């Protein structure tokens, strides 16, 4: 490996268990954009350094709109992370994606309305430029590839690709909205992938998402409609698959040569800034 890696894991609902890390320590930090959602949990998985951050706080007391996404991503970058693996609970918009399935998404449709999507806001010190950032491909392709390869290797079924619609939340969709998103060809729906995807790319980090479908949203004529109670039930029945994938993935990432991917990500971020 030509460059040392450190992997940030952003844990979504129920996916922020620090027990997957060895030699754990906590670090309270701040950033030019304020405080992240919680303390950083530092440790390692088979010797690969990892930083765990609970997206909604460890008490799950921060709504999707109120997450300080800029502080979260910058805190991981400040800590030396080169990669971010994010986990998301989401709703399925397609019959073939069943509750409990894992999806390694590769695109998004942004329906959020209240979120800062750039570090370069014109007034934060050292961030007074403008960043015109390309979003195709939206995700680090090397990161997506190694997640899928690891899933196959350990026998965890994970869908290769899919488009996530990201809504503002915290409410779920109306049935008219759900059917509209289906008509667009979207595969899943969530509340937190934007602006994480954008900010990670702007920060020059290699970013990938492991999404778990927990429900069929509300479009389906049969079965239960989405509710927080049902989301948590399905999640708890399937969370081990995600943890199994993460604990196999991190060592595999540590053995890979990331030189070109990391250099390309950092060059893209730098070259997108207009002074």
Protein backbone atom coordinates (compact mmCIF):
# COMPACT_ATOMS: atom_id res chain seq x y z
CA UNK A 1 0.00 0.00 0.00
CA UNK A 2 1.57 3.27 -1.13
CA UNK A 3 -0.47 5.52 1.16
CA UNK A 4 -1.71 4.95 4.71
CA UNK A 5 -5.47 4.83 5.09
CA UNK A 6 -7.78 5.62 7.97
CA UNK A 7 -11.45 4.78 7.65
CA UNK A 8 -14.31 6.83 9.04
CA UNK A 9 -17.53 4.92 9.65
CA UNK A 10 -20.66 7.05 9.90
CA UNK A 11 -23.27 5.00 11.68
CA UNK A 12 -26.92 5.68 10.96
CA UNK A 13 -29.92 4.47 12.93
CA UNK A 14 -28.69 1.58 15.08
CA UNK A 15 -25.48 1.21 13.09
CA UNK A 16 -23.11 3.03 15.44
CA UNK A 17 -22.05 0.15 17.72
CA UNK A 18 -18.53 0.85 19.04
CA UNK A 19 -18.04 -2.81 19.99
CA UNK A 20 -16.74 -3.54 16.48
CA UNK A 21 -13.57 -1.55 17.35
CA UNK A 22 -10.54 -2.68 19.35
CA UNK A 23 -8.52 -0.38 21.65
CA UNK A 24 -11.33 2.16 21.76
CA UNK A 25 -10.84 5.72 22.94
CA UNK A 26 -13.15 8.75 22.73
CA UNK A 27 -12.20 12.16 21.41
CA UNK A 28 -14.32 15.29 21.70
CA UNK A 29 -13.53 17.66 18.87
CA UNK A 30 -14.79 20.71 17.06
CA UNK A 31 -14.39 22.10 13.53
CA UNK A 32 -14.63 25.43 11.69
CA UNK A 33 -18.27 24.42 11.07
CA UNK A 34 -19.17 23.71 14.69
CA UNK A 35 -19.39 20.48 16.63
CA UNK A 36 -20.01 17.06 15.07
CA UNK A 37 -22.95 14.94 16.17
CA UNK A 38 -21.00 13.22 18.95
CA UNK A 39 -17.53 12.36 20.17
CA UNK A 40 -15.32 10.45 17.77
CA UNK A 41 -14.69 6.83 18.75
CA UNK A 42 -11.14 5.90 17.75
CA UNK A 43 -9.91 2.33 17.44
CA UNK A 44 -9.01 -0.31 14.91
CA UNK A 45 -10.31 -3.41 13.15
CA UNK A 46 -7.51 -5.93 12.68
CA UNK A 47 -4.95 -3.14 12.90
CA UNK A 48 -6.61 -0.81 10.40
CA UNK A 49 -7.31 2.56 12.08
CA UNK A 50 -11.00 3.43 12.24
CA UNK A 51 -12.97 6.45 13.46
CA UNK A 52 -16.62 5.84 14.31
CA UNK A 53 -19.16 8.68 14.41
CA UNK A 54 -22.86 8.37 15.26
CA UNK A 55 -24.68 10.49 12.67
CA UNK A 56 -27.68 11.21 14.90
CA UNK A 57 -25.69 11.19 18.15
CA UNK A 58 -25.39 8.12 20.33
CA UNK A 59 -28.71 8.96 21.97
CA UNK A 60 -30.29 9.34 18.51
CA UNK A 61 -31.46 12.81 19.45
CA UNK A 62 -30.57 14.70 16.25
CA UNK A 63 -33.11 14.72 13.41
CA UNK A 64 -31.98 14.35 9.77
CA UNK A 65 -32.44 18.07 9.11
CA UNK A 66 -30.47 19.11 12.19
CA UNK A 67 -27.41 16.88 11.69
CA UNK A 68 -24.33 19.08 11.29
CA UNK A 69 -23.15 17.25 8.19
CA UNK A 70 -20.32 19.69 7.49
CA UNK A 71 -18.89 19.30 10.99
CA UNK A 72 -19.22 15.51 10.80
CA UNK A 73 -17.31 15.18 7.54
CA UNK A 74 -14.70 17.78 8.48
CA UNK A 75 -14.14 16.17 11.89
CA UNK A 76 -13.31 12.89 10.15
CA UNK A 77 -11.00 14.66 7.70
CA UNK A 78 -9.29 16.53 10.57
CA UNK A 79 -8.72 13.21 12.29
CA UNK A 80 -6.86 11.98 9.22
CA UNK A 81 -9.55 9.83 7.60
CA UNK A 82 -8.99 9.07 3.94
CA UNK A 83 -12.19 7.06 3.47
CA UNK A 84 -15.75 7.16 4.75
CA UNK A 85 -18.08 4.18 4.83
CA UNK A 86 -21.58 5.38 5.68
CA UNK A 87 -24.47 3.16 6.73
CA UNK A 88 -28.08 4.07 6.07
CA UNK A 89 -31.49 2.65 6.83
CA UNK A 90 -33.78 3.35 3.87
CA UNK A 91 -37.14 2.47 2.35
CA UNK A 92 -37.53 0.34 -0.76
CA UNK A 93 -39.25 1.82 -3.81
CA UNK A 94 -39.09 -1.39 -5.86
CA UNK A 95 -40.69 -4.78 -5.31
CA UNK A 96 -37.45 -6.68 -5.89
CA UNK A 97 -35.69 -4.86 -3.04
CA UNK A 98 -37.12 -6.49 0.09
CA UNK A 99 -36.82 -5.34 3.69
CA UNK A 100 -33.48 -6.59 5.02
CA UNK A 101 -31.71 -6.34 1.65
CA UNK A 102 -28.43 -4.44 1.38
CA UNK A 103 -27.87 -1.98 -1.46
CA UNK A 104 -24.53 -0.45 -2.44
CA UNK A 105 -26.01 2.67 -3.98
CA UNK A 106 -24.32 4.49 -6.85
CA UNK A 107 -26.50 7.54 -7.50
CA UNK A 108 -28.91 9.94 -5.85
CA UNK A 109 -31.77 12.35 -6.38
CA UNK A 110 -31.73 15.28 -3.98
CA UNK A 111 -35.08 16.40 -2.56
CA UNK A 112 -33.70 18.13 0.55
CA UNK A 113 -34.39 21.82 1.11
CA UNK A 114 -32.62 23.09 4.25
CA UNK A 115 -29.04 21.81 4.20
CA UNK A 116 -25.62 23.33 3.60
CA UNK A 117 -24.09 21.35 0.75
CA UNK A 118 -20.66 22.95 0.57
CA UNK A 119 -17.84 23.90 2.92
CA UNK A 120 -17.16 26.92 0.73
CA UNK A 121 -19.93 29.16 2.04
CA UNK A 122 -18.24 32.52 1.43
CA UNK A 123 -17.79 33.51 5.06
CA UNK A 124 -16.11 30.65 7.02
CA UNK A 125 -12.39 31.43 7.41
CA UNK A 126 -10.31 29.57 4.78
CA UNK A 127 -13.50 28.58 2.92
CA UNK A 128 -14.34 31.78 1.03
CA UNK A 129 -13.93 30.36 -2.46
CA UNK A 130 -16.59 28.57 -4.56
CA UNK A 131 -16.46 24.85 -5.26
CA UNK A 132 -18.02 23.71 -8.54
CA UNK A 133 -17.93 19.98 -7.85
CA UNK A 134 -18.73 17.32 -10.49
CA UNK A 135 -21.10 14.66 -9.15
CA UNK A 136 -20.62 11.92 -11.72
CA UNK A 137 -19.60 9.47 -10.53
CA UNK A 138 -21.27 10.36 -7.25
CA UNK A 139 -19.40 7.72 -5.23
CA UNK A 140 -15.83 6.47 -5.13
CA UNK A 141 -15.92 3.57 -7.57
CA UNK A 142 -12.98 1.77 -5.94
CA UNK A 143 -14.77 1.90 -2.59
CA UNK A 144 -18.02 0.60 -4.04
CA UNK A 145 -16.15 -2.20 -5.79
CA UNK A 146 -14.38 -3.44 -2.67
CA UNK A 147 -17.61 -3.36 -0.64
CA UNK A 148 -19.31 -5.54 -3.27
CA UNK A 149 -16.33 -7.90 -3.55
CA UNK A 150 -16.21 -8.32 0.23
CA UNK A 151 -19.94 -8.99 0.43
CA UNK A 152 -19.65 -11.70 -2.22
CA UNK A 153 -16.61 -13.22 -0.52
CA UNK A 154 -18.37 -13.63 2.85
CA UNK A 155 -21.73 -14.67 1.40
CA UNK A 156 -23.70 -11.51 2.19
CA UNK A 157 -26.08 -10.58 -0.62
CA UNK A 158 -25.68 -6.95 -1.65
CA UNK A 159 -27.25 -5.27 -4.66
CA UNK A 160 -24.79 -3.63 -7.04
CA UNK A 161 -26.08 -0.10 -7.58
CA UNK A 162 -29.27 1.80 -7.11
CA UNK A 163 -30.51 5.36 -6.90
CA UNK A 164 -31.50 6.80 -3.54
CA UNK A 165 -34.00 9.65 -3.26
CA UNK A 166 -33.01 11.80 -0.29
CA UNK A 167 -35.90 13.67 1.34
CA UNK A 168 -35.74 16.33 4.01
CA UNK A 169 -37.57 14.37 6.69
CA UNK A 170 -38.09 13.69 9.47
CA UNK A 171 -41.54 12.75 8.16
CA UNK A 172 -42.00 9.87 5.74
CA UNK A 173 -43.38 10.39 2.22
CA UNK A 174 -46.99 10.68 1.18
CA UNK A 175 -48.19 7.93 -1.17
CA UNK A 176 -48.26 10.46 -4.04
CA UNK A 177 -44.63 11.34 -3.36
CA UNK A 178 -43.66 7.68 -3.04
CA UNK A 179 -45.25 6.82 -6.39
CA UNK A 180 -43.62 9.86 -8.01
CA UNK A 181 -40.19 8.69 -6.88
CA UNK A 182 -40.96 5.21 -8.22
CA UNK A 183 -41.92 6.72 -11.58
CA UNK A 184 -38.49 8.35 -11.71
CA UNK A 185 -36.87 4.91 -11.46
CA UNK A 186 -35.43 5.45 -7.99
CA UNK A 187 -34.72 2.31 -5.95
CA UNK A 188 -34.65 3.41 -2.32
CA UNK A 189 -35.50 6.45 -0.22
CA UNK A 190 -33.68 7.94 2.76
CA UNK A 191 -33.05 11.14 4.68
CA UNK A 192 -29.30 11.52 5.25
CA UNK A 193 -27.17 10.65 2.20
CA UNK A 194 -27.32 14.28 1.08
CA UNK A 195 -25.26 16.30 1.79
CA UNK A 196 -22.88 13.61 3.11
CA UNK A 197 -22.06 12.38 -0.39
CA UNK A 198 -21.33 15.89 -1.67
CA UNK A 199 -19.31 17.01 1.34
CA UNK A 200 -17.16 13.87 1.43
CA UNK A 201 -16.29 14.35 -2.21
CA UNK A 202 -15.59 18.05 -1.66
CA UNK A 203 -13.25 17.06 1.19
CA UNK A 204 -11.35 14.66 -1.10
CA UNK A 205 -12.45 11.52 0.77
CA UNK A 206 -13.24 8.15 -0.79
CA UNK A 207 -16.89 7.63 0.16
CA UNK A 208 -19.22 4.65 -0.10
CA UNK A 209 -22.60 3.72 1.38
CA UNK A 210 -24.00 0.45 2.67
CA UNK A 211 -27.76 0.93 2.69
CA UNK A 212 -30.27 -1.44 4.28
CA UNK A 213 -33.89 -1.52 3.15
CA UNK A 214 -36.10 -1.61 6.22
CA UNK A 215 -39.55 -1.21 4.64
CA UNK A 216 -41.47 -0.70 1.39
CA UNK A 217 -42.17 2.98 2.09
CA UNK A 218 -45.94 3.53 1.61
CA UNK A 219 -46.49 2.85 -2.12
CA UNK A 220 -47.20 -0.88 -1.82
CA UNK A 221 -50.84 -2.02 -1.73
CA UNK A 222 -50.13 -5.03 0.49
CA UNK A 223 -48.25 -5.36 3.74
CA UNK A 224 -47.61 -2.81 6.45
CA UNK A 225 -46.90 0.82 5.63
CA UNK A 226 -43.66 2.38 6.80
CA UNK A 227 -43.50 3.35 10.47
CA UNK A 228 -40.67 4.03 12.87
CA UNK A 229 -41.60 0.93 14.87
CA UNK A 230 -41.46 -1.36 11.83
CA UNK A 231 -38.21 0.21 10.60
CA UNK A 232 -36.51 -0.59 13.91
CA UNK A 233 -37.87 -4.15 13.99
CA UNK A 234 -36.57 -4.99 10.52
CA UNK A 235 -33.31 -3.25 11.24
CA UNK A 236 -32.63 -5.23 14.42
CA UNK A 237 -33.42 -8.48 12.60
CA UNK A 238 -30.79 -7.75 9.95
CA UNK A 239 -28.14 -5.55 11.56
CA UNK A 240 -25.68 -8.43 11.93
CA UNK A 241 -25.32 -8.61 8.15
CA UNK A 242 -24.08 -5.02 8.08
CA UNK A 243 -21.73 -5.51 11.02
CA UNK A 244 -20.40 -8.73 9.46
CA UNK A 245 -19.76 -6.88 6.20
CA UNK A 246 -18.02 -3.98 7.94
CA UNK A 247 -15.72 -6.18 10.01
CA UNK A 248 -14.68 -8.11 6.89
CA UNK A 249 -14.44 -5.00 4.72
CA UNK A 250 -12.09 -2.86 6.82
CA UNK A 251 -9.15 -5.35 6.86
CA UNK A 252 -9.62 -5.94 3.13
CA UNK A 253 -9.46 -2.18 2.52
CA UNK A 254 -6.27 -2.08 4.59
CA UNK A 255 -4.58 -4.53 2.22
CA UNK A 256 -5.49 -2.63 -0.94
CA UNK A 257 -3.27 -0.08 -2.68
CA UNK A 258 -5.36 3.10 -2.63
CA UNK A 259 -2.69 5.43 -4.02
CA UNK A 260 -4.36 6.34 -7.32
CA UNK A 261 -7.91 6.50 -5.93
CA UNK A 262 -6.90 8.77 -3.05
CA UNK A 263 -4.78 11.02 -5.23
CA UNK A 264 -7.59 11.34 -7.77
CA UNK A 265 -10.15 12.19 -5.05
CA UNK A 266 -7.91 14.86 -3.57
CA UNK A 267 -7.02 16.32 -6.97
CA UNK A 268 -10.69 16.54 -7.98
CA UNK A 269 -11.55 18.36 -4.76
CA UNK A 270 -8.66 20.80 -5.19
CA UNK A 271 -9.28 21.46 -8.88
CA UNK A 272 -13.00 22.15 -8.32
CA UNK A 273 -12.31 25.23 -6.19
CA UNK A 274 -12.76 28.59 -7.95
CA UNK A 275 -10.97 31.48 -6.25
